[in-house]
PDB file of N, CA and C in Angstrom:
ATOM      1  N   MET A   1       9.920  15.329 -10.894  1.00  0.00           N
ATOM      2  CA  MET A   1       9.572  14.250 -10.434  1.00  0.00           C
ATOM      3  C   MET A   1       7.663  14.486 -10.714  1.00  0.00           C
ATOM      4  N   LYS A   2       7.036  14.089 -11.391  1.00  0.00           N
ATOM      5  CA  LYS A   2       5.735  13.916 -11.315  1.00  0.00           C
ATOM      6  C   LYS A   2       5.197  12.411 -11.070  1.00  0.00           C
ATOM      7  N   LEU A   3       3.842  12.516 -10.103  1.00  0.00           N
ATOM      8  CA  LEU A   3       3.407  11.562  -9.440  1.00  0.00           C
ATOM      9  C   LEU A   3       2.792  10.774 -10.523  1.00  0.00           C
ATOM     10  N   SER A   4       2.709   8.905 -10.641  1.00  0.00           N
ATOM     11  CA  SER A   4       2.527   8.557 -11.945  1.00  0.00           C
ATOM     12  C   SER A   4       0.272   8.678 -11.223  1.00  0.00           C
ATOM     13  N   PRO A   5      -0.982   8.636 -12.663  1.00  0.00           N
ATOM     14  CA  PRO A   5      -2.227   8.732 -11.977  1.00  0.00           C
ATOM     15  C   PRO A   5      -2.446   7.545 -10.941  1.00  0.00           C
ATOM     16  N   LYS A   6      -1.568   6.370 -10.857  1.00  0.00           N
ATOM     17  CA  LYS A   6      -2.198   5.272  -9.860  1.00  0.00           C
ATOM     18  C   LYS A   6      -1.889   6.169  -8.639  1.00  0.00           C
ATOM     19  N   THR A   7      -0.726   6.368  -8.339  1.00  0.00           N
ATOM     20  CA  THR A   7       0.171   6.874  -7.478  1.00  0.00           C
ATOM     21  C   THR A   7      -0.999   7.777  -6.931  1.00  0.00           C
ATOM     22  N   ILE A   8      -1.238   8.669  -7.385  1.00  0.00           N
ATOM     23  CA  ILE A   8      -2.344   9.999  -6.775  1.00  0.00           C
ATOM     24  C   ILE A   8      -3.581   9.160  -6.460  1.00  0.00           C
ATOM     25  N   LYS A   9      -3.871   8.398  -7.242  1.00  0.00           N
ATOM     26  CA  LYS A   9      -5.224   7.902  -6.752  1.00  0.00           C
ATOM     27  C   LYS A   9      -5.153   7.270  -5.620  1.00  0.00           C
ATOM     28  N   SER A  10      -4.298   6.139  -5.469  1.00  0.00           N
ATOM     29  CA  SER A  10      -3.977   5.687  -4.136  1.00  0.00           C
ATOM     30  C   SER A  10      -3.634   6.987  -2.819  1.00  0.00           C
ATOM     31  N   ILE A  11      -3.016   7.802  -2.884  1.00  0.00           N
ATOM     32  CA  ILE A  11      -2.963   8.706  -1.929  1.00  0.00           C
ATOM     33  C   ILE A  11      -3.907   9.266  -1.943  1.00  0.00           C
ATOM     34  N   SER A  12      -5.096  10.142  -2.172  1.00  0.00           N
ATOM     35  CA  SER A  12      -6.170  10.129  -2.355  1.00  0.00           C
ATOM     36  C   SER A  12      -6.715   9.573  -1.669  1.00  0.00           C
ATOM     37  N   LEU A  13      -6.736   8.420  -1.789  1.00  0.00           N
ATOM     38  CA  LEU A  13      -8.011   7.491  -1.489  1.00  0.00           C
ATOM     39  C   LEU A  13      -6.967   6.958   0.784  1.00  0.00           C
ATOM     40  N   ARG A  14      -5.868   7.651   0.325  1.00  0.00           N
ATOM     41  CA  ARG A  14      -5.852   7.311   2.068  1.00  0.00           C
ATOM     42  C   ARG A  14      -5.466   8.615   2.778  1.00  0.00           C
ATOM     43  N   LEU A  15      -5.640   9.916   1.933  1.00  0.00           N
ATOM     44  CA  LEU A  15      -6.033  10.732   2.323  1.00  0.00           C
ATOM     45  C   LEU A  15      -7.694  11.000   3.064  1.00  0.00           C
ATOM     46  N   ALA A  16      -8.670  10.333   1.949  1.00  0.00           N
ATOM     47  CA  ALA A  16      -9.629  10.183   2.165  1.00  0.00           C
ATOM     48  C   ALA A  16     -10.183   9.717   3.324  1.00  0.00           C
ATOM     49  N   ASN A  17      -9.204   8.697   3.412  1.00  0.00           N
ATOM     50  CA  ASN A  17      -9.475   7.693   4.972  1.00  0.00           C
ATOM     51  C   ASN A  17      -8.841   8.420   6.498  1.00  0.00           C
ATOM     52  N   VAL A  18      -7.597   8.961   6.306  1.00  0.00           N
ATOM     53  CA  VAL A  18      -7.216   9.886   7.301  1.00  0.00           C
ATOM     54  C   VAL A  18      -8.099  11.108   7.711  1.00  0.00           C
ATOM     55  N   LYS A  19      -8.578  11.455   6.500  1.00  0.00           N
ATOM     56  CA  LYS A  19      -9.498  12.557   7.009  1.00  0.00           C
ATOM     57  C   LYS A  19     -10.705  12.178   7.403  1.00  0.00           C
ATOM     58  N   THR A  20     -11.398  11.321   7.022  1.00  0.00           N
ATOM     59  CA  THR A  20     -12.414  10.287   8.324  1.00  0.00           C
ATOM     60  C   THR A  20     -12.415  10.273   9.418  1.00  0.00           C
ATOM     61  N   MET A  21     -10.966   9.163   9.600  1.00  0.00           N
ATOM     62  CA  MET A  21     -10.459   9.094  11.172  1.00  0.00           C
ATOM     63  C   MET A  21     -10.172  10.208  11.075  1.00  0.00           C
ATOM     64  N   LEU A  22      -9.894  11.260  11.319  1.00  0.00           N
ATOM     65  CA  LEU A  22      -9.434  13.081  11.939  1.00  0.00           C
ATOM     66  C   LEU A  22     -10.868  13.466  12.508  1.00  0.00           C
ATOM     67  N   ILE A  23     -11.984  13.211  11.194  1.00  0.00           N
ATOM     68  CA  ILE A  23     -13.313  13.717  11.888  1.00  0.00           C
ATOM     69  C   ILE A  23     -13.650  13.023  13.292  1.00  0.00           C
ATOM     70  N   ALA A  24     -13.487  12.054  13.029  1.00  0.00           N
ATOM     71  CA  ALA A  24     -14.102  10.869  14.126  1.00  0.00           C
ATOM     72  C   ALA A  24     -13.261  11.693  15.520  1.00  0.00           C
ATOM     73  N   ASN A  25     -11.986  11.762  15.645  1.00  0.00           N
ATOM     74  CA  ASN A  25     -11.854  12.456  16.596  1.00  0.00           C
ATOM     75  C   ASN A  25     -11.356  11.448  17.936  1.00  0.00           C
ATOM     76  N   ASN A  26     -11.027  10.043  17.385  1.00  0.00           N
ATOM     77  CA  ASN A  26     -11.031   9.242  18.110  1.00  0.00           C
ATOM     78  C   ASN A  26      -9.504   8.464  18.309  1.00  0.00           C
ATOM     79  N   SER A  27      -9.115   8.846  20.068  1.00  0.00           N
ATOM     80  CA  SER A  27      -7.687   8.362  19.810  1.00  0.00           C
ATOM     81  C   SER A  27      -7.663   7.596  19.893  1.00  0.00           C
ATOM     82  N   ASN A  28      -8.291   6.033  19.761  1.00  0.00           N
ATOM     83  CA  ASN A  28      -8.195   4.933  19.267  1.00  0.00           C
ATOM     84  C   ASN A  28      -7.294   4.656  18.052  1.00  0.00           C
ATOM     85  N   GLN A  29      -7.438   5.429  16.958  1.00  0.00           N
ATOM     86  CA  GLN A  29      -7.140   5.884  15.662  1.00  0.00           C
ATOM     87  C   GLN A  29      -6.061   6.065  15.245  1.00  0.00           C
ATOM     88  N   MET A  30      -4.940   6.829  16.240  1.00  0.00           N
ATOM     89  CA  MET A  30      -4.463   7.323  16.330  1.00  0.00           C
ATOM     90  C   MET A  30      -2.896   7.074  15.151  1.00  0.00           C
ATOM     91  N   GLU A  31      -2.833   5.762  15.978  1.00  0.00           N
ATOM     92  CA  GLU A  31      -1.725   4.335  15.073  1.00  0.00           C
ATOM     93  C   GLU A  31      -2.471   4.595  13.725  1.00  0.00           C
ATOM     94  N   LYS A  32      -3.630   3.989  13.436  1.00  0.00           N
ATOM     95  CA  LYS A  32      -3.628   4.070  12.021  1.00  0.00           C
ATOM     96  C   LYS A  32      -3.722   5.418  11.271  1.00  0.00           C
ATOM     97  N   ILE A  33      -3.814   6.376  11.804  1.00  0.00           N
ATOM     98  CA  ILE A  33      -3.643   7.491  10.890  1.00  0.00           C
ATOM     99  C   ILE A  33      -2.067   7.644  10.633  1.00  0.00           C
ATOM    100  N   LYS A  34      -1.297   7.490  11.721  1.00  0.00           N
ATOM    101  CA  LYS A  34      -0.075   7.741  11.280  1.00  0.00           C
ATOM    102  C   LYS A  34       0.414   6.867  10.517  1.00  0.00           C
ATOM    103  N   ASP A  35      -0.225   5.770  10.409  1.00  0.00           N
ATOM    104  CA  ASP A  35       0.325   4.182   9.545  1.00  0.00           C
ATOM    105  C   ASP A  35      -0.192   4.843   8.039  1.00  0.00           C
ATOM    106  N   GLU A  36      -1.099   5.021   7.997  1.00  0.00           N
ATOM    107  CA  GLU A  36      -2.037   6.073   6.748  1.00  0.00           C
ATOM    108  C   GLU A  36      -0.797   6.721   5.859  1.00  0.00           C
ATOM    109  N   LEU A  37      -0.644   8.058   7.127  1.00  0.00           N
ATOM    110  CA  LEU A  37       0.323   8.953   6.555  1.00  0.00           C
ATOM    111  C   LEU A  37       1.754   8.664   6.054  1.00  0.00           C
ATOM    112  N   TYR A  38       2.168   7.345   6.975  1.00  0.00           N
ATOM    113  CA  TYR A  38       4.068   7.142   6.663  1.00  0.00           C
ATOM    114  C   TYR A  38       3.394   6.268   5.278  1.00  0.00           C
ATOM    115  N   GLU A  39       2.205   5.532   4.985  1.00  0.00           N
ATOM    116  CA  GLU A  39       2.132   4.807   3.974  1.00  0.00           C
ATOM    117  C   GLU A  39       1.934   5.806   2.167  1.00  0.00           C
ATOM    118  N   ILE A  40       1.792   7.150   2.848  1.00  0.00           N
ATOM    119  CA  ILE A  40       1.917   7.720   1.643  1.00  0.00           C
ATOM    120  C   ILE A  40       3.349   8.368   1.350  1.00  0.00           C
ATOM    121  N   ILE A  41       3.958   8.067   2.509  1.00  0.00           N
ATOM    122  CA  ILE A  41       5.101   9.060   2.276  1.00  0.00           C
ATOM    123  C   ILE A  41       6.112   7.697   1.777  1.00  0.00           C
ATOM    124  N   HIS A  42       5.973   6.524   2.082  1.00  0.00           N
ATOM    125  CA  HIS A  42       6.395   5.171   1.403  1.00  0.00           C
ATOM    126  C   HIS A  42       6.400   5.316  -0.491  1.00  0.00           C
ATOM    127  N   GLU A  43       4.527   5.743  -0.101  1.00  0.00           N
ATOM    128  CA  GLU A  43       4.452   5.678  -1.912  1.00  0.00           C
ATOM    129  C   GLU A  43       5.656   6.826  -2.896  1.00  0.00           C
ATOM    130  N   VAL A  44       5.109   7.954  -2.347  1.00  0.00           N
ATOM    131  CA  VAL A  44       5.847   8.995  -2.974  1.00  0.00           C
ATOM    132  C   VAL A  44       7.401   8.892  -2.697  1.00  0.00           C
ATOM    133  N   ASP A  45       8.156   8.059  -1.858  1.00  0.00           N
ATOM    134  CA  ASP A  45       9.987   7.617  -2.141  1.00  0.00           C
ATOM    135  C   ASP A  45       9.830   6.454  -2.718  1.00  0.00           C
ATOM    136  N   GLU A  46       8.998   4.911  -3.310  1.00  0.00           N
ATOM    137  CA  GLU A  46       8.748   4.612  -4.686  1.00  0.00           C
ATOM    138  C   GLU A  46       8.546   5.480  -5.702  1.00  0.00           C
ATOM    139  N   GLU A  47       8.115   6.205  -5.953  1.00  0.00           N
ATOM    140  CA  GLU A  47       7.890   6.437  -7.136  1.00  0.00           C
ATOM    141  C   GLU A  47       9.115   7.526  -7.206  1.00  0.00           C
ATOM    142  N   ASN A  48       9.850   8.112  -6.523  1.00  0.00           N
ATOM    143  CA  ASN A  48      10.727   8.843  -6.545  1.00  0.00           C
ATOM    144  C   ASN A  48      11.861   8.023  -7.311  1.00  0.00           C
ATOM    145  N   HIS A  49      11.966   6.961  -6.532  1.00  0.00           N
ATOM    146  CA  HIS A  49      12.662   5.817  -6.611  1.00  0.00           C
ATOM    147  C   HIS A  49      13.128   5.091  -8.240  1.00  0.00           C
ATOM    148  N   ARG A  50      11.134   4.815  -8.370  1.00  0.00           N
ATOM    149  CA  ARG A  50      11.272   4.542  -9.571  1.00  0.00           C
ATOM    150  C   ARG A  50      11.360   5.626 -11.624  1.00  0.00           C
ATOM    151  N   CYS A  51      11.534   6.645 -10.585  1.00  0.00           N
ATOM    152  CA  CYS A  51      11.804   7.525 -11.279  1.00  0.00           C
ATOM    153  C   CYS A  51      13.148   7.922 -11.773  1.00  0.00           C
ATOM    154  N   TYR A  52      14.000   8.054 -10.876  1.00  0.00           N
ATOM    155  CA  TYR A  52      15.284   8.005 -11.016  1.00  0.00           C
ATOM    156  C   TYR A  52      16.541   6.936 -11.622  1.00  0.00           C
ATOM    157  N   ILE A  53      15.246   5.327 -10.908  1.00  0.00           N
ATOM    158  CA  ILE A  53      16.140   4.227 -12.008  1.00  0.00           C
ATOM    159  C   ILE A  53      15.658   4.516 -13.465  1.00  0.00           C
ATOM    160  N   SER A  54      14.714   4.934 -13.932  1.00  0.00           N
ATOM    161  CA  SER A  54      14.565   4.958 -15.835  1.00  0.00           C
ATOM    162  C   SER A  54      14.897   5.615 -15.982  1.00  0.00           C
ATOM    163  N   HIS A  55      15.608   7.451 -15.780  1.00  0.00           N
ATOM    164  CA  HIS A  55      16.687   7.959 -15.891  1.00  0.00           C
ATOM    165  C   HIS A  55      17.739   7.941 -15.867  1.00  0.00           C
ATOM    166  N   GLU A  56      18.141   7.095 -15.144  1.00  0.00           N
ATOM    167  CA  GLU A  56      19.653   5.727 -15.494  1.00  0.00           C
ATOM    168  C   GLU A  56      19.656   5.006 -16.467  1.00  0.00           C
ATOM    169  N   GLU A  57      18.881   3.790 -16.443  1.00  0.00           N
ATOM    170  CA  GLU A  57      19.249   2.911 -17.598  1.00  0.00           C
ATOM    171  C   GLU A  57      19.105   3.598 -19.373  1.00  0.00           C
TER     172      GLU A  57
END
């Protein structure tokens, strides 16, 4: 499976955001960090699903 350029860009932006929050090392942002990481996982899962659905059709 290969990620689409759109997904790669979206994940890269999310990771940059997570990096910024980690550098700030603010415990109040832990939930936001987890949410961003879960969103990345969700995007990869969606892309994976689209990949297999398109091969089945």
